[in-house]
Protein backbone atom coordinates (compact mmCIF):
# COMPACT_ATOMS: atom_id res chain seq x y z
CA MET A 1 -4.06 3.38 -9.13
CA VAL A 2 -7.58 1.92 -9.46
CA ASP A 3 -7.60 -1.88 -9.38
CA HIS A 4 -9.85 -4.44 -11.07
CA GLN A 5 -12.40 -4.10 -8.23
CA ASP A 6 -12.55 -0.30 -8.53
CA LYS A 7 -10.57 0.17 -5.32
CA LEU A 8 -8.22 3.15 -5.33
CA TRP A 9 -4.74 2.30 -4.00
CA MET A 10 -2.37 5.07 -3.06
CA THR A 11 0.82 5.77 -1.21
CA SER A 12 1.40 8.93 0.71
CA GLY A 13 5.17 8.66 0.81
CA ASN A 14 6.38 11.26 3.28
CA ALA A 15 3.23 13.38 2.97
CA ARG A 16 0.25 12.96 5.26
CA LEU A 17 -3.00 11.70 3.83
CA ARG A 18 -4.77 12.31 7.13
CA PRO A 19 -3.70 13.14 10.67
CA SER A 20 -1.89 10.22 12.28
CA SER A 21 1.34 9.37 14.03
CA GLU A 22 2.70 7.87 10.79
CA LYS A 23 4.63 9.95 8.26
CA GLY A 24 3.34 8.06 5.26
CA GLY A 25 1.77 4.81 4.25
CA ILE A 26 -0.28 2.66 1.92
CA TYR A 27 -4.02 3.26 1.72
CA THR A 28 -7.07 1.99 -0.12
CA ILE A 29 -10.10 4.14 -0.79
CA ASN A 30 -13.51 2.71 -1.60
CA VAL A 31 -14.61 4.92 -4.50
CA ASP A 32 -18.31 4.47 -3.67
CA SER A 33 -18.26 5.17 0.08
CA LEU A 34 -14.96 7.14 0.20
CA GLU A 35 -13.92 4.96 3.15
CA ILE A 36 -10.14 5.07 3.70
CA SER A 37 -8.28 1.99 4.96
CA GLU A 38 -4.61 1.88 5.87
CA ILE A 39 -2.62 -1.19 4.78
CA LYS A 40 -0.04 -2.22 7.41
CA PRO A 41 2.33 -4.83 5.95
CA LYS A 42 4.47 -7.21 8.01
CA ILE A 43 7.55 -9.27 7.25
CA ASN A 44 7.97 -12.27 9.58
CA GLN A 45 5.31 -10.77 11.88
CA GLU A 46 7.28 -7.49 12.15
CA PRO A 47 5.72 -4.24 10.87
CA VAL A 48 7.23 -2.73 7.72
CA ASN A 49 7.83 1.02 7.69
CA THR A 50 5.81 2.29 4.72
CA ASP A 51 6.94 5.93 5.02
CA ASN A 52 9.06 5.56 1.87
CA THR A 53 6.59 3.77 -0.40
CA THR A 54 6.84 5.56 -3.72
CA THR A 55 4.94 3.71 -6.46
CA VAL A 56 1.97 1.39 -6.99
CA PHE A 57 1.23 -0.91 -9.95
CA GLN A 58 -1.20 -3.75 -10.76
CA ASP A 59 0.07 -6.54 -13.03
CA LYS A 60 -1.93 -8.68 -15.47
CA ASN A 61 -2.45 -11.32 -12.73
CA GLN A 62 -4.10 -8.69 -10.52
CA ASN A 63 -1.21 -8.57 -8.02
CA ILE A 64 -0.58 -5.10 -6.65
CA TRP A 65 3.06 -4.06 -6.29
CA PHE A 66 4.59 -1.22 -4.28
CA GLY A 67 8.07 0.17 -4.78
CA THR A 68 9.78 1.30 -1.59
CA ILE A 69 12.99 2.94 -0.56
CA GLY A 70 14.72 0.54 1.84
CA HIS A 71 12.29 -2.41 1.75
CA GLY A 72 12.41 -3.43 -1.91
CA LEU A 73 9.12 -4.48 -3.50
CA LEU A 74 5.94 -5.25 -1.60
CA THR A 75 3.16 -7.15 -3.32
CA VAL A 76 -0.41 -7.60 -2.18
CA SER A 77 -3.10 -10.09 -2.90
CA TYR A 78 -6.46 -9.40 -1.34
CA THR A 79 -5.54 -11.59 1.65
CA HIS A 80 -1.81 -11.05 2.21
CA LEU A 81 0.82 -8.38 1.91
CA ARG A 82 4.32 -9.80 1.59
CA ALA A 83 7.77 -8.47 0.78
CA HIS A 84 10.03 -9.53 -2.06
CA GLU A 85 13.59 -8.51 -1.33
């Protein structure tokens, strides 16, 4: 999904986007520089396993939502990633 700032958001589910110790995750890609950044959400300062993130959506208020298996919905603003269970 490409957001309102032309940033590409993607989930890799159980596939690997690039070599790492993680099975999957949430990533942003700068479409101009092709720089890849991994998003590492936390709930109460504890890391959230993003291996089973399956969908991404941006609503009319520019919030970005991720559907997961096992962690409910995650939503991101450009400063925080928080869970809604």
